[in-house]
Protein backbone atom coordinates (compact mmCIF):
# COMPACT_ATOMS: atom_id res chain seq x y z
CA MET A 1 110.24 28.29 226.99
CA ARG A 2 113.64 28.89 228.60
CA ILE A 3 114.22 31.38 231.40
CA LEU A 4 117.56 32.17 233.06
CA ILE A 5 117.42 33.35 236.68
CA ALA A 6 120.38 35.31 238.04
CA ASP A 7 120.63 36.11 241.74
CA ASP A 8 123.34 35.52 244.32
CA HIS A 9 120.81 34.44 246.97
CA GLN A 10 119.63 30.84 246.81
CA LEU A 11 116.39 31.67 248.62
CA VAL A 12 115.43 34.23 245.98
CA ARG A 13 116.21 31.85 243.12
CA THR A 14 114.12 29.14 244.76
CA ALA A 15 111.19 31.50 245.24
CA LEU A 16 111.35 32.66 241.63
CA LYS A 17 111.48 29.10 240.34
CA TYR A 18 108.46 28.14 242.43
CA ILE A 19 106.37 31.08 241.16
CA LEU A 20 107.37 30.50 237.54
CA LYS A 21 106.76 26.74 237.67
CA GLU A 22 103.30 27.34 239.09
CA ALA A 23 102.44 29.59 236.15
CA TYR A 24 104.36 27.73 233.42
CA PRO A 25 104.60 24.00 234.28
CA THR A 26 106.67 23.16 231.18
CA VAL A 27 109.15 26.05 231.46
CA GLU A 28 112.85 25.19 231.50
CA LEU A 29 114.52 27.15 234.29
CA GLU A 30 118.27 27.60 234.71
CA GLU A 31 120.06 29.62 237.37
CA VAL A 32 123.36 31.40 237.99
CA ASP A 33 124.65 33.21 241.06
CA ASN A 34 127.21 35.65 239.62
CA THR A 35 127.59 38.08 236.73
CA VAL A 36 130.38 36.17 234.97
CA ALA A 37 128.20 33.09 234.59
CA LEU A 38 125.22 35.27 233.72
CA PHE A 39 127.01 36.98 230.84
CA LYS A 40 128.52 33.78 229.48
CA ARG A 41 125.23 31.89 229.45
CA ALA A 42 123.28 34.89 228.19
CA VAL A 43 125.35 35.26 225.04
CA LYS A 44 126.03 31.56 224.35
CA GLU A 45 122.54 30.11 224.79
CA LYS A 46 119.02 30.89 223.61
CA TRP A 47 116.65 32.35 226.18
CA ASP A 48 113.12 33.64 226.05
CA LEU A 49 113.77 35.77 229.11
CA ILE A 50 116.45 36.58 231.68
CA ILE A 51 115.39 37.59 235.18
CA SER A 52 118.30 39.24 236.96
CA ASP A 53 119.06 40.86 240.28
CA LEU A 54 120.66 44.30 240.25
CA SER A 55 123.19 43.67 243.03
CA PHE A 56 125.95 41.07 242.88
CA PRO A 57 129.17 40.84 244.91
CA ASP A 58 131.37 40.65 241.82
CA GLN A 59 129.84 43.31 239.56
CA SER A 60 126.87 45.63 239.23
CA GLY A 61 123.84 44.06 237.58
CA LEU A 62 123.44 47.30 235.65
CA GLU A 63 126.87 46.85 234.10
CA VAL A 64 126.21 43.28 233.02
CA LEU A 65 122.79 44.33 231.69
CA LYS A 66 124.56 46.74 229.33
CA GLN A 67 126.97 43.99 228.27
CA ILE A 68 124.13 41.59 227.53
CA LYS A 69 122.21 44.19 225.52
CA THR A 70 125.36 44.86 223.49
CA HIS A 71 126.10 41.21 222.67
CA ALA A 72 122.60 39.68 222.77
CA PRO A 73 120.24 42.63 222.27
CA LYS A 74 117.16 40.55 221.42
CA ILE A 75 117.01 38.75 224.78
CA PRO A 76 114.64 40.60 227.15
CA VAL A 77 115.98 41.18 230.64
CA LEU A 78 113.69 41.80 233.60
CA ILE A 79 115.51 43.45 236.51
CA LEU A 80 114.59 42.62 240.09
CA SER A 81 115.98 44.78 242.85
CA MET A 82 115.82 45.52 246.54
CA TYR A 83 116.27 49.21 245.65
CA PRO A 84 113.17 51.43 245.32
CA ALA A 85 112.19 52.21 241.75
CA GLN A 86 113.11 55.89 242.07
CA GLU A 87 116.75 54.94 242.62
CA TYR A 88 117.48 52.67 239.64
CA ALA A 89 114.43 52.16 237.39
CA ILE A 90 115.30 54.92 234.93
CA ARG A 91 118.91 53.75 234.63
CA CYS A 92 117.83 50.16 234.00
CA ILE A 93 115.18 51.07 231.43
CA THR A 94 117.63 53.38 229.68
CA ALA A 95 120.20 50.57 229.62
CA GLY A 96 117.69 48.32 227.84
CA SER A 97 115.88 46.31 230.49
CA ALA A 98 112.39 45.09 229.63
CA GLY A 99 111.11 45.98 233.07
CA TYR A 100 111.99 46.82 236.66
CA LEU A 101 110.45 45.18 239.72
CA THR A 102 111.26 45.61 243.37
CA LYS A 103 111.61 42.33 245.21
CA ASP A 104 108.76 43.11 247.57
CA ASN A 105 106.41 43.05 244.56
CA ILE A 106 107.54 39.72 243.13
CA SER A 107 104.59 37.60 244.25
CA GLU A 108 102.03 40.12 243.01
CA GLU A 109 103.60 41.28 239.75
CA LEU A 110 106.12 38.74 238.47
CA ILE A 111 103.83 36.69 236.24
CA THR A 112 102.07 39.79 234.91
CA ALA A 113 105.46 41.23 234.02
CA VAL A 114 106.70 38.01 232.41
CA ASN A 115 103.53 37.63 230.30
CA GLN A 116 103.80 41.18 229.02
CA ILE A 117 107.50 40.89 228.24
CA LEU A 118 107.06 37.56 226.45
CA ALA A 119 104.37 39.26 224.35
CA GLY A 120 107.05 41.64 223.12
CA ARG A 121 106.34 44.65 225.30
CA ARG A 122 108.11 46.29 228.21
CA TYR A 123 106.56 45.99 231.63
CA LEU A 124 106.21 49.32 233.41
CA ASN A 125 104.05 49.26 236.50
CA LEU A 126 102.36 52.46 237.66
CA GLU A 127 105.21 53.49 239.93
CA VAL A 128 107.90 53.10 237.26
CA ALA A 129 105.71 54.75 234.61
CA GLU A 130 105.20 57.78 236.85
CA ILE A 131 108.93 58.02 237.55
CA LEU A 132 109.71 57.90 233.83
CA ALA A 133 107.04 60.49 233.07
CA SER A 134 108.40 62.82 235.73
CA SER A 135 111.91 62.35 234.39
CA TYR A 136 110.91 63.27 230.84
CA GLU A 137 108.94 66.29 232.05
CA SER A 138 111.97 67.53 233.98
CA LYS A 139 114.49 68.00 231.20
CA SER A 140 116.43 70.54 233.26
CA LYS A 141 117.58 67.70 235.53
CA THR A 142 117.18 69.56 238.79
CA ASP A 143 118.12 66.32 240.56
CA THR A 144 121.86 66.57 239.95
CA HIS A 145 122.53 62.92 240.87
CA GLU A 146 120.94 62.01 237.53
CA ASN A 147 123.97 63.56 235.84
CA LEU A 148 126.32 61.01 237.39
CA SER A 149 127.63 58.06 235.42
CA ASP A 150 126.48 54.61 236.55
CA ARG A 151 129.77 53.98 238.40
CA GLU A 152 129.69 57.43 239.98
CA TYR A 153 126.11 56.86 241.09
CA GLN A 154 127.03 53.50 242.58
CA ILE A 155 129.83 55.11 244.59
CA PHE A 156 127.63 58.08 245.48
CA LYS A 157 125.04 55.67 246.94
CA MET A 158 127.69 53.88 248.96
CA LEU A 159 129.07 57.16 250.27
CA ILE A 160 125.69 58.40 251.50
CA ASP A 161 125.10 54.97 253.04
CA GLY A 162 128.15 55.59 255.21
CA HIS A 163 130.80 53.43 253.53
CA SER A 164 134.40 54.61 253.74
CA MET A 165 136.48 55.01 250.60
CA GLN A 166 138.55 51.96 251.56
CA ASP A 167 135.40 49.91 252.05
CA ILE A 168 134.08 51.01 248.65
CA ALA A 169 137.40 50.15 247.02
CA ASN A 170 137.30 46.66 248.57
CA LYS A 171 133.68 46.01 247.62
CA LEU A 172 134.11 47.17 244.03
CA SER A 173 137.60 45.67 243.58
CA ILE A 174 139.11 48.98 242.55
CA SER A 175 141.91 51.09 244.03
CA ILE A 176 141.23 53.71 246.67
CA ASN A 177 142.75 56.28 244.29
CA THR A 178 140.07 55.41 241.75
CA VAL A 179 137.40 55.85 244.41
CA ARG A 180 138.93 59.18 245.40
CA SER A 181 138.92 60.32 241.77
CA HIS A 182 135.25 59.35 241.35
CA LYS A 183 134.42 61.18 244.57
CA VAL A 184 136.02 64.37 243.26
CA HIS A 185 133.98 64.09 240.05
CA ILE A 186 130.80 63.45 242.06
CA HIS A 187 131.34 66.55 244.17
CA LYS A 188 132.09 68.62 241.08
CA LYS A 189 129.09 67.42 239.04
CA MET A 190 126.74 67.88 241.97
CA ASN A 191 128.29 71.17 243.13
CA ILE A 192 128.74 69.72 246.60
CA GLN A 193 131.62 70.70 248.86
CA GLY A 194 131.87 67.88 251.39
CA ASP A 195 130.50 64.59 252.70
CA ALA A 196 128.04 66.31 255.02
CA ASP A 197 126.37 68.05 252.08
CA LEU A 198 126.42 64.79 250.13
CA ILE A 199 124.57 62.95 252.91
CA LYS A 200 122.15 65.86 253.31
CA TYR A 201 121.38 65.70 249.57
CA GLY A 202 120.72 61.95 249.82
CA ILE A 203 118.28 62.47 252.70
CA GLN A 204 116.48 65.31 250.90
CA HIS A 205 116.00 63.13 247.81
CA ASN A 206 115.07 59.97 249.74
CA LEU A 207 118.21 58.20 248.53
CA ASP A 208 119.65 57.31 251.92
């Protein structure tokens, strides 16, 4: 069995390797710390599973997940994230991930998730399952942030976290004009007039 671990923090990769080795002594584990290496190895080599973080300095893990599922659709990808499930689980599952785990649940759920995914099923814990169920029941999409594209949502999150447009541009390696354009679209899609309303919305929906 071959598993590729992708995370930009050495400590997390070490912890994952320890847990996996304990459960699967003969597993072959490889690791990468950026999305470029992740994509290259994902499409060029054979893997039974990829375990990937959602946040990388060079690119969103959600974006590279979509790239992997386009070029190597049969490889299951388990997403690990520091973000609560209500913020990104639906987007990851929709993009093709085989499961979504928050990092504070790794020690309790990782092996259960891996076993289920290797058996050919998706792993949806109770929290993620409830979020998905609520999403399907609410077809009207009263939560307008769900209408944002993945890039718009990423910028929206950074805005409500207090990042300036210049800071966002630097972190995402895009121009400030591009950030400004996305911000206009965010305000329009969400029917929000200014940053104060944007932050208020984030607080009301527990997204801050």
